[in-house]
Amino acid sequence: MKIVIVGAGKVGTTLAQHLSAESNDISVIDWNEKKLLDLQKRIDIRVVCGIGSHPDILIKAGIEDADMMVAVTKSDELNIVACQVAHSLFRTETKIARVRSTSYTSKKYRSRLFHDDNFPVDFFISPEKVVTDYICRLIARPGALQVVDYAHGLAQLVAVKVAQGGPLLGKELRVLGEHMPKADARVAAIFRKDRSIIPEGDTLIEEDDEVFFIAAKKNIRKVMEELGRLDNPYRRIIIAGGGNIGFQVAKSLEEDLSVKIIEYSEERCEFISEHLNNTIVLHGSAADQEILLQENIDKTDVFLALTNDDEVNIMSSLLAKRLGVRSVMTLINNPVYANLIQGGEIDIAISPQQATTSTLLAHVRRGDTVSANSLRRGAAEAMEIVIHGDYRSSKVVGRTISEIKSPKGVTVAALVRDEEVIIAHHDTVIKSNDHAIIFVVDKEKTREVERLFSVGLNFF
C-alpha cells in the first residue's frame, strides 16, 4: 500500500516505522529537515521537506497515486486542510487526520463539518482520547497489563503476568478448561523472558509468564482469578499531571472513584478545578515526597504518571512505588524507556504512539478488518476480521480450525457470531459473517493472514 504521512513527530515517526516494516511504500512530509534526515537513516522511506497541505509538496511525496494519506501534525487545521487538498485535487481514497480539539469532533458539529462536501476526513485520530480509553480499561481490570475490546465489547483480549501461588502455576494449559467448565477461554500466546511461546495443551504455565487470553467479557474475571491475577477493584487514584490526558482520565473516573490530580502549573490547576466536579486538585510537583506522603500514597491503589516529561513520569512513579502505592502506570513517549522499565517497579508503561498506531492499523489492513491492535509494545498483533464468502470462494468458511492452514504463530482465538462469543477449538467451524479474532505472534505474518481470510474472485 502506498501511504503519505504528513508530520514527522512522535506519532508520525512511530507509524512510519511500523508500516514500512510491513513493506508498505511510505512517504513522510515535514517542515523540519533534520527530523526527516534522522528518520531516513533509520528506515527505508521517501522524505519531503515542506508544508504537508501544499499541493506541490504532496505531489513530490507521491500523493497522485497514493492509497492513503495520514495527517498527524500537531496542528488540527493543517491536518484537516491536507485532507481537503488530497481529496479535492487528487481524489485520495482514504484520508485520516489527527484532530485533538473536541470543538471540531463534538456530536454537535462533526456530522455537519466532516463529509465530502465540506471537510473530507474519513477517519479521526485523537491520541489523547485513545490513551484515555486505554487507561480506563486498565483501571476497570485490576491486574491486567493490556485490555483490548472486540465486537463492541462482547469479547476481550487480556494480558496478565502469572503470579506466585496462582491455581494454574506449574500446570498444563489444558487444565484451564477443567477449572472453568462454565467459563470458556483461549490462551492466544505466552511470552516468557521476551520469548514467544505458541500455546499447546501440554504447555506448562510458569511464574512471571505474560499470558494473553481471550474470553467473553463476562468471563474475564474468572480467568484472571485462575491465573492468580484477580486484584481487588481500584478505588483511590492519584494522577501526576493535569494536561489533556490527565484531565480526561480524571473526568472519566471521578464519578466512580476517588481521584486526585497533582499539577505543577498554578494556572492549569485553576482550569482543572473549574471543569471537574469530584476531583481534588493539588498544586505542586508529583516528585515531591512530602506531597505524596500527605496524600496517603501508601493507601492509594493506582499512581498514574501522565505528564509530558518521560523523566518526571519515571522518577515520580519510582518514588510512589517506594512509598507504598499498590500499582503504577506510567506514560512513556520514548519507546526505549518503555521497554526498559515495564515489569520492574513500574507495573505498566503506556506508549501513546503504540496506542495510536493500533487505531490506524485496521485502515491499513486489507479485507474486512474491523480492528487491529499492536500488542506487547509492537511485538505482536491481534486482528478482528469479518469473514465473507462460501466454501468455494473462501479458504476458511465451512472449515474447522484444525483444517485451516494458518501460518506458524497465528492463532484463531475466538469467533463472535450473532452476539455470541465462541472460543475457538480444533473442531470449531467458521461461518460466513463471523467476526474472527486472530492473534499474530510475528507481525510479519499479517500479510499471510490477510490472504488466508480474503475472498476469492469467484465470490464476486
Protein backbone atom coordinates (compact mmCIF):
# COMPACT_ATOMS: atom_id res chain seq x y z
CA MET A 1 0.00 0.00 0.00
CA LYS A 2 1.24 3.50 -0.83
CA ILE A 3 0.82 5.85 2.15
CA VAL A 4 1.70 9.52 2.58
CA ILE A 5 2.25 10.61 6.20
CA VAL A 6 2.14 14.33 6.99
CA GLY A 7 4.08 15.06 10.17
CA ALA A 8 7.32 13.52 11.46
CA GLY A 9 6.55 13.95 15.15
CA LYS A 10 6.36 11.06 17.59
CA VAL A 11 3.11 9.68 16.18
CA GLY A 12 4.16 10.07 12.52
CA THR A 13 7.59 8.54 13.16
CA THR A 14 6.19 5.51 15.01
CA LEU A 15 3.62 4.99 12.28
CA ALA A 16 6.25 5.22 9.52
CA GLN A 17 8.48 2.69 11.29
CA HIS A 18 5.62 0.28 11.85
CA LEU A 19 4.18 0.45 8.34
CA SER A 20 7.49 0.44 6.47
CA ALA A 21 8.43 -2.78 8.28
CA GLU A 22 5.44 -4.39 6.54
CA SER A 23 6.71 -3.50 3.05
CA ASN A 24 4.37 -0.54 2.52
CA ASP A 25 5.54 2.33 0.29
CA ILE A 26 5.86 5.20 2.78
CA SER A 27 6.47 8.93 2.21
CA VAL A 28 6.80 11.37 5.12
CA ILE A 29 6.34 15.15 4.86
CA ASP A 30 7.57 17.59 7.49
CA TRP A 31 8.94 21.13 7.57
CA ASN A 32 11.84 20.04 9.84
CA GLU A 33 14.57 18.71 7.54
CA LYS A 34 16.72 17.38 10.40
CA LYS A 35 13.87 15.20 11.67
CA LEU A 36 13.36 13.80 8.21
CA LEU A 37 17.02 13.00 7.64
CA ASP A 38 17.28 11.28 11.03
CA LEU A 39 14.20 9.23 10.19
CA GLN A 40 15.50 8.30 6.74
CA LYS A 41 18.74 7.00 8.27
CA ARG A 42 16.74 4.51 10.33
CA ILE A 43 14.13 3.30 7.84
CA ASP A 44 13.83 3.00 4.06
CA ILE A 45 11.25 5.67 3.21
CA ARG A 46 10.89 8.74 0.97
CA VAL A 47 11.01 12.10 2.80
CA VAL A 48 9.87 15.51 1.57
CA CYS A 49 10.60 18.77 3.37
CA GLY A 50 7.75 21.29 3.29
CA ILE A 51 4.21 22.08 4.42
CA GLY A 52 2.02 19.00 4.11
CA SER A 53 -1.07 20.87 2.91
CA HIS A 54 0.69 22.43 -0.10
CA PRO A 55 -0.25 20.66 -3.37
CA ASP A 56 3.27 20.78 -4.84
CA ILE A 57 4.74 19.21 -1.69
CA LEU A 58 2.08 16.48 -1.72
CA ILE A 59 2.89 15.74 -5.37
CA LYS A 60 6.59 15.33 -4.50
CA ALA A 61 5.53 12.81 -1.84
CA GLY A 62 3.57 10.80 -4.41
CA ILE A 63 0.02 11.72 -3.43
CA GLU A 64 -1.24 11.34 -7.02
CA ASP A 65 -1.28 7.55 -6.81
CA ALA A 66 -1.32 7.09 -3.01
CA ASP A 67 -3.91 4.80 -1.42
CA MET A 68 -3.99 6.72 1.84
CA MET A 69 -2.92 9.94 3.50
CA VAL A 70 -2.44 10.22 7.26
CA ALA A 71 -2.04 13.78 8.59
CA VAL A 72 -0.69 13.72 12.15
CA THR A 73 1.00 17.09 12.74
CA LYS A 74 0.33 19.00 15.97
CA SER A 75 -1.98 21.39 14.09
CA ASP A 76 -5.59 20.29 13.68
CA GLU A 77 -6.11 22.89 10.99
CA LEU A 78 -3.11 21.80 8.91
CA ASN A 79 -4.24 18.17 9.14
CA ILE A 80 -7.78 19.00 8.04
CA VAL A 81 -6.61 21.17 5.14
CA ALA A 82 -4.16 18.47 4.00
CA CYS A 83 -7.08 16.03 3.79
CA GLN A 84 -9.12 18.62 1.88
CA VAL A 85 -6.35 19.15 -0.69
CA ALA A 86 -5.76 15.39 -1.07
CA HIS A 87 -9.47 14.90 -1.77
CA SER A 88 -10.16 17.91 -3.96
CA LEU A 89 -7.09 17.71 -6.20
CA PHE A 90 -6.01 14.06 -6.10
CA ARG A 91 -9.10 12.08 -5.03
CA THR A 92 -7.09 10.15 -2.45
CA GLU A 93 -9.23 7.22 -1.37
CA THR A 94 -8.63 7.23 2.42
CA LYS A 95 -7.82 10.35 4.44
CA ILE A 96 -7.06 10.21 8.17
CA ALA A 97 -6.44 13.26 10.34
CA ARG A 98 -5.20 13.78 13.86
CA VAL A 99 -7.76 16.14 15.43
CA ARG A 100 -7.28 16.97 19.10
CA SER A 101 -9.88 19.70 19.62
CA THR A 102 -13.22 18.35 20.82
CA SER A 103 -14.78 21.53 19.41
CA TYR A 104 -14.32 20.06 15.92
CA THR A 105 -15.26 16.48 16.76
CA SER A 106 -18.20 17.04 19.11
CA LYS A 107 -21.52 15.45 18.11
CA LYS A 108 -22.99 18.92 17.68
CA TYR A 109 -20.73 19.83 14.73
CA ARG A 110 -18.98 16.70 13.48
CA SER A 111 -21.63 15.36 11.11
CA ARG A 112 -22.13 18.77 9.53
CA LEU A 113 -18.44 19.63 9.21
CA PHE A 114 -16.85 16.40 8.07
CA HIS A 115 -18.15 14.94 4.82
CA ASP A 116 -17.13 15.15 1.17
CA ASP A 117 -18.92 18.45 0.57
CA ASN A 118 -17.16 20.23 3.45
CA PHE A 119 -14.07 18.71 5.11
CA PRO A 120 -13.48 15.25 3.61
CA VAL A 121 -11.83 13.47 6.56
CA ASP A 122 -12.67 9.76 6.57
CA PHE A 123 -11.30 8.88 10.00
CA PHE A 124 -10.09 10.83 13.02
CA ILE A 125 -7.18 10.14 15.37
CA SER A 126 -7.08 11.64 18.83
CA PRO A 127 -4.06 10.25 20.71
CA GLU A 128 -5.32 11.78 23.95
CA LYS A 129 -8.69 10.00 23.65
CA VAL A 130 -7.07 6.73 22.61
CA VAL A 131 -4.75 6.77 25.65
CA THR A 132 -7.57 7.87 27.98
CA ASP A 133 -9.78 4.97 26.86
CA TYR A 134 -6.85 2.57 27.19
CA ILE A 135 -6.11 3.69 30.76
CA CYS A 136 -9.77 3.45 31.76
CA ARG A 137 -9.92 -0.16 30.51
CA LEU A 138 -6.85 -0.99 32.61
CA ILE A 139 -8.40 0.64 35.67
CA ALA A 140 -11.53 -1.49 35.13
CA ARG A 141 -9.41 -4.68 35.03
CA PRO A 142 -7.06 -4.60 38.06
CA GLY A 143 -4.04 -6.83 37.49
CA ALA A 144 -4.19 -6.67 33.67
CA LEU A 145 -1.20 -5.49 31.61
CA GLN A 146 -3.28 -4.82 28.50
CA VAL A 147 -7.00 -4.93 27.69
CA VAL A 148 -8.49 -4.86 24.19
CA ASP A 149 -12.21 -4.90 23.34
CA TYR A 150 -13.60 -6.79 20.36
CA ALA A 151 -17.05 -6.99 18.76
CA HIS A 152 -18.29 -3.88 20.58
CA GLY A 153 -17.04 -5.18 23.91
CA LEU A 154 -18.60 -8.66 23.77
CA ALA A 155 -15.13 -10.24 23.90
CA GLN A 156 -11.90 -9.06 25.47
CA LEU A 157 -8.26 -9.91 24.96
CA VAL A 158 -6.40 -9.52 28.25
CA ALA A 159 -2.71 -9.83 29.11
CA VAL A 160 -1.68 -10.79 32.63
CA LYS A 161 1.54 -11.77 34.37
CA VAL A 162 1.20 -15.10 36.19
CA ALA A 163 1.59 -14.55 39.91
CA GLN A 164 3.22 -16.76 42.51
CA GLY A 165 0.68 -19.05 44.12
CA GLY A 166 -1.82 -18.94 41.23
CA PRO A 167 -4.05 -22.03 40.85
CA LEU A 168 -2.64 -22.85 37.40
CA LEU A 169 1.03 -22.21 38.16
CA GLY A 170 3.10 -25.22 37.07
CA LYS A 171 0.13 -26.88 35.41
CA GLU A 172 -0.60 -27.63 31.75
CA LEU A 173 -2.81 -25.28 29.77
CA ARG A 174 -5.41 -27.96 29.15
CA VAL A 175 -6.24 -27.80 32.86
CA LEU A 176 -7.70 -24.31 32.32
CA GLY A 177 -10.86 -25.82 30.83
CA GLU A 178 -11.23 -28.29 33.72
CA HIS A 179 -11.02 -25.46 36.26
CA MET A 180 -13.62 -23.35 34.43
CA PRO A 181 -16.22 -25.63 32.79
CA LYS A 182 -18.70 -22.74 32.52
CA ALA A 183 -16.24 -20.02 31.50
CA ASP A 184 -14.60 -20.97 28.22
CA ALA A 185 -11.35 -19.12 27.36
CA ARG A 186 -8.44 -19.47 24.96
CA VAL A 187 -4.81 -18.66 25.64
CA ALA A 188 -3.66 -16.99 22.43
CA ALA A 189 0.02 -16.58 23.28
CA ILE A 190 2.56 -16.71 26.08
CA PHE A 191 5.65 -14.53 26.36
CA ARG A 192 8.40 -15.85 28.63
CA LYS A 193 11.51 -13.74 29.17
CA ASP A 194 10.87 -11.87 25.89
CA ARG A 195 10.46 -15.15 24.00
CA SER A 196 7.12 -16.04 22.43
CA ILE A 197 5.68 -19.49 23.07
CA ILE A 198 2.91 -20.96 20.93
CA PRO A 199 0.44 -22.37 23.46
CA GLU A 200 -0.36 -26.07 23.27
CA GLY A 201 -2.39 -28.27 25.60
CA ASP A 202 0.76 -29.57 27.31
CA THR A 203 2.40 -26.12 27.72
CA LEU A 204 3.31 -25.54 31.36
CA ILE A 205 2.46 -22.18 32.92
CA GLU A 206 5.41 -20.65 34.77
CA GLU A 207 5.70 -17.78 37.20
CA ASP A 208 6.08 -14.36 35.52
CA ASP A 209 4.77 -15.68 32.19
CA GLU A 210 2.94 -12.95 30.27
CA VAL A 211 -0.25 -14.70 29.18
CA PHE A 212 -2.61 -13.31 26.52
CA PHE A 213 -6.05 -14.88 26.69
CA ILE A 214 -9.41 -14.17 25.13
CA ALA A 215 -12.84 -14.80 26.56
CA ALA A 216 -16.34 -13.38 26.64
CA LYS A 217 -16.24 -10.16 28.65
CA LYS A 218 -18.48 -11.70 31.33
CA ASN A 219 -15.90 -14.49 31.93
CA ILE A 220 -12.74 -12.36 32.18
CA ARG A 221 -12.77 -12.10 35.98
CA LYS A 222 -12.97 -15.88 36.37
CA VAL A 223 -10.00 -16.46 34.04
CA MET A 224 -7.88 -13.82 35.80
CA GLU A 225 -8.67 -15.49 39.12
CA GLU A 226 -7.38 -18.82 37.81
CA LEU A 227 -4.17 -17.15 36.69
CA GLY A 228 -3.78 -15.60 40.12
CA ARG A 229 -4.24 -12.00 38.94
CA LEU A 230 -7.71 -11.06 40.14
CA ASP A 231 -6.88 -8.00 42.24
CA ASN A 232 -9.36 -6.06 44.34
CA PRO A 233 -11.10 -3.22 42.47
CA TYR A 234 -9.28 0.11 42.35
CA ARG A 235 -10.87 2.88 44.40
CA ARG A 236 -8.23 5.55 45.09
CA ILE A 237 -6.29 7.13 42.21
CA ILE A 238 -3.57 9.80 42.17
CA ILE A 239 -2.76 11.36 38.78
CA ALA A 240 0.54 13.16 38.18
CA GLY A 241 -0.03 15.79 35.51
CA GLY A 242 -3.18 17.70 34.64
CA GLY A 243 -2.59 18.01 30.91
CA ASN A 244 -5.06 16.82 28.28
CA ILE A 245 -4.68 13.12 29.14
CA GLY A 246 -4.62 13.57 32.93
CA PHE A 247 -7.64 15.84 32.76
CA GLN A 248 -9.66 13.46 30.53
CA VAL A 249 -8.78 10.42 32.67
CA ALA A 250 -9.89 12.26 35.83
CA LYS A 251 -13.11 13.34 34.12
CA SER A 252 -13.84 9.73 33.10
CA LEU A 253 -13.14 8.26 36.55
CA GLU A 254 -14.21 10.89 39.08
CA GLU A 255 -17.87 9.83 39.31
CA ASP A 256 -16.99 6.30 40.46
CA LEU A 257 -13.56 6.59 42.11
CA SER A 258 -11.68 8.87 44.47
CA VAL A 259 -9.38 10.90 42.20
CA LYS A 260 -6.64 13.43 42.96
CA ILE A 261 -4.51 15.34 40.44
CA ILE A 262 -1.10 16.83 41.19
CA GLU A 263 -0.31 19.63 38.72
CA TYR A 264 2.76 21.91 38.68
CA SER A 265 1.19 24.84 36.82
CA GLU A 266 -0.97 27.06 39.03
CA GLU A 267 -2.90 28.34 36.01
CA ARG A 268 -3.68 24.79 34.87
CA CYS A 269 -4.76 23.89 38.42
CA GLU A 270 -7.37 26.63 38.28
CA PHE A 271 -8.66 25.40 34.92
CA ILE A 272 -8.92 21.79 36.15
CA SER A 273 -10.67 22.84 39.35
CA GLU A 274 -13.28 24.77 37.38
CA HIS A 275 -14.01 21.95 34.92
CA LEU A 276 -14.00 18.88 37.19
CA ASN A 277 -16.64 18.14 39.82
CA ASN A 278 -15.34 15.50 42.20
CA THR A 279 -11.55 15.57 41.69
CA ILE A 280 -9.19 17.03 44.29
CA VAL A 281 -6.61 19.25 42.56
CA LEU A 282 -3.24 19.76 44.24
CA HIS A 283 -0.66 22.35 43.19
CA GLY A 284 2.92 21.04 43.28
CA SER A 285 5.38 18.51 41.90
CA ALA A 286 4.43 14.83 41.66
CA ALA A 287 8.06 14.01 42.50
CA ASP A 288 7.73 15.80 45.85
CA GLN A 289 7.89 13.15 48.59
CA GLU A 290 6.10 15.35 51.13
CA ILE A 291 3.06 15.83 48.88
CA LEU A 292 2.79 12.09 48.20
CA LEU A 293 3.04 11.27 51.90
CA GLN A 294 0.48 13.93 52.82
CA GLU A 295 -1.93 12.45 50.28
CA ASN A 296 -1.53 8.94 51.73
CA ILE A 297 0.26 7.40 48.77
CA ASP A 298 0.66 4.16 50.73
CA LYS A 299 -3.14 3.79 50.83
CA THR A 300 -3.56 4.65 47.14
CA ASP A 301 -4.46 1.91 44.64
CA VAL A 302 -3.01 3.41 41.45
CA PHE A 303 -0.49 6.16 40.70
CA LEU A 304 -0.84 7.41 37.11
CA ALA A 305 2.16 9.42 35.86
CA LEU A 306 0.75 11.34 32.89
CA THR A 307 2.90 14.46 32.47
CA ASN A 308 4.51 15.25 29.10
CA ASP A 309 8.01 14.61 30.51
CA ASP A 310 9.25 10.99 30.48
CA GLU A 311 11.88 11.59 33.15
CA VAL A 312 9.39 13.21 35.54
CA ASN A 313 6.97 10.36 34.95
CA ILE A 314 9.59 7.71 35.64
CA MET A 315 11.06 9.38 38.75
CA SER A 316 7.67 10.17 40.31
CA SER A 317 6.49 6.60 39.57
CA LEU A 318 9.55 5.06 41.23
CA LEU A 319 9.09 7.32 44.24
CA ALA A 320 5.39 6.47 44.54
CA LYS A 321 6.18 2.75 44.35
CA ARG A 322 8.86 3.01 47.03
CA LEU A 323 6.40 4.88 49.26
CA GLY A 324 3.91 2.01 49.02
CA VAL A 325 1.40 2.64 46.24
CA ARG A 326 -0.27 -0.58 45.08
CA SER A 327 0.18 -0.16 41.31
CA VAL A 328 1.94 2.27 38.98
CA MET A 329 1.07 3.13 35.37
CA THR A 330 3.48 5.45 33.57
CA LEU A 331 3.13 7.36 30.31
CA ILE A 332 6.35 6.94 28.28
CA ASN A 333 6.89 8.57 24.89
CA ASN A 334 10.39 7.17 24.34
CA PRO A 335 9.94 3.50 23.30
CA VAL A 336 13.44 2.63 24.56
CA TYR A 337 12.43 3.71 28.06
CA ALA A 338 9.17 1.75 27.82
CA ASN A 339 10.96 -1.49 27.02
CA LEU A 340 13.44 -0.97 29.84
CA ILE A 341 11.15 -0.12 32.73
CA GLN A 342 7.98 -2.21 32.43
CA GLY A 343 7.88 -5.22 34.68
CA GLY A 344 10.18 -3.78 37.35
CA GLU A 345 8.94 -1.31 39.92
CA ILE A 346 6.78 0.28 37.23
CA ASP A 347 3.90 -2.10 36.55
CA ILE A 348 2.67 -0.77 33.20
CA ALA A 349 4.41 1.51 30.70
CA ILE A 350 1.90 3.22 28.41
CA SER A 351 3.08 4.26 24.95
CA PRO A 352 0.85 6.87 23.25
CA GLN A 353 2.49 6.09 19.92
CA GLN A 354 1.74 2.36 20.11
CA ALA A 355 -1.84 3.02 21.20
CA THR A 356 -2.36 5.46 18.34
CA THR A 357 -0.76 3.12 15.80
CA SER A 358 -3.27 0.45 16.80
CA THR A 359 -6.17 2.71 15.86
CA LEU A 360 -4.68 3.13 12.37
CA LEU A 361 -3.79 -0.48 11.62
CA ALA A 362 -7.35 -1.52 10.75
CA HIS A 363 -7.40 1.06 7.94
CA VAL A 364 -4.13 -0.28 6.53
CA ARG A 365 -5.08 -3.95 6.68
CA ARG A 366 -6.67 -5.49 3.60
CA GLY A 367 -10.01 -7.28 3.68
CA ASP A 368 -12.83 -6.50 6.09
CA THR A 369 -10.63 -5.79 9.10
CA VAL A 370 -12.65 -4.20 11.91
CA SER A 371 -9.70 -3.59 14.22
CA ALA A 372 -6.01 -4.39 14.51
CA ASN A 373 -4.19 -3.86 17.78
CA SER A 374 -0.47 -3.66 18.36
CA LEU A 375 0.33 -5.77 21.42
CA ARG A 376 3.24 -6.13 23.77
CA ARG A 377 4.82 -2.83 22.67
CA GLY A 378 4.59 -3.78 18.99
CA ALA A 379 5.91 -7.34 19.21
CA ALA A 380 2.58 -8.95 18.28
CA GLU A 381 -0.79 -8.04 16.82
CA ALA A 382 -4.42 -9.04 17.31
CA MET A 383 -6.92 -8.58 14.48
CA GLU A 384 -10.69 -8.71 14.23
CA ILE A 385 -11.72 -9.74 10.71
CA VAL A 386 -15.23 -10.21 9.33
CA ILE A 387 -15.41 -13.47 7.37
CA HIS A 388 -17.06 -13.40 3.93
CA GLY A 389 -17.65 -15.87 1.12
CA ASP A 390 -18.59 -19.53 0.98
CA TYR A 391 -16.79 -22.88 0.92
CA ARG A 392 -15.61 -22.37 -2.70
CA SER A 393 -14.53 -18.72 -2.53
CA SER A 394 -13.01 -18.73 0.96
CA LYS A 395 -10.14 -20.73 2.44
CA VAL A 396 -11.77 -20.72 5.89
CA VAL A 397 -15.59 -20.71 5.56
CA GLY A 398 -17.13 -24.12 6.31
CA ARG A 399 -13.86 -25.48 7.67
CA THR A 400 -12.84 -26.40 11.19
CA ILE A 401 -9.98 -24.63 12.92
CA SER A 402 -7.80 -27.74 12.55
CA GLU A 403 -8.39 -27.76 8.75
CA ILE A 404 -7.21 -24.18 8.25
CA LYS A 405 -3.58 -23.91 7.16
CA SER A 406 -2.59 -20.95 9.32
CA PRO A 407 0.98 -19.61 9.26
CA LYS A 408 3.13 -20.58 12.24
CA GLY A 409 2.47 -18.32 15.19
CA VAL A 410 -1.06 -17.40 14.06
CA THR A 411 -3.95 -18.39 16.32
CA VAL A 412 -7.65 -18.10 15.61
CA ALA A 413 -8.61 -17.43 19.22
CA ALA A 414 -12.34 -16.77 19.06
CA LEU A 415 -15.36 -16.09 16.87
CA VAL A 416 -18.24 -13.73 17.54
CA ARG A 417 -21.43 -14.92 15.87
CA ASP A 418 -24.76 -13.12 16.34
CA GLU A 419 -23.52 -11.57 19.60
CA GLU A 420 -22.36 -14.95 20.91
CA VAL A 421 -18.66 -15.38 21.77
CA ILE A 422 -17.38 -18.78 20.61
CA ILE A 423 -13.93 -19.73 21.87
CA ALA A 424 -12.13 -21.48 19.01
CA HIS A 425 -11.22 -25.15 19.45
CA HIS A 426 -9.90 -27.62 16.87
CA ASP A 427 -13.43 -28.71 15.83
CA THR A 428 -14.98 -25.22 15.69
CA VAL A 429 -16.41 -24.48 12.22
CA ILE A 430 -16.05 -20.96 10.78
CA LYS A 431 -19.12 -19.48 9.08
CA SER A 432 -19.65 -16.51 6.80
CA ASN A 433 -20.22 -13.23 8.69
CA ASP A 434 -18.35 -14.49 11.76
CA HIS A 435 -16.05 -11.98 13.41
CA ALA A 436 -12.76 -13.86 13.81
CA ILE A 437 -10.33 -12.66 16.48
CA ILE A 438 -6.83 -13.65 15.40
CA PHE A 439 -3.60 -13.40 17.36
CA VAL A 440 -0.38 -12.96 15.35
CA VAL A 441 2.80 -13.50 17.38
CA ASP A 442 5.05 -12.44 14.49
CA LYS A 443 3.57 -9.30 12.94
CA GLU A 444 5.48 -10.03 9.71
CA LYS A 445 2.85 -12.74 9.15
CA THR A 446 -0.01 -10.22 8.92
CA ARG A 447 0.07 -10.21 5.10
CA GLU A 448 -0.29 -14.01 5.07
CA VAL A 449 -3.21 -13.71 7.47
CA GLU A 450 -4.90 -11.17 5.18
CA ARG A 451 -4.52 -13.52 2.20
CA LEU A 452 -5.80 -16.50 4.19
CA PHE A 453 -9.00 -14.72 5.23
CA SER A 454 -9.63 -12.89 1.94
CA VAL A 455 -12.38 -13.83 -0.51
CA GLY A 456 -11.55 -15.33 -3.89
CA LEU A 457 -12.53 -13.57 -7.12
CA ASN A 458 -15.26 -16.13 -7.87
CA PHE A 459 -17.19 -14.77 -4.88
CA PHE A 460 -17.91 -11.62 -6.88
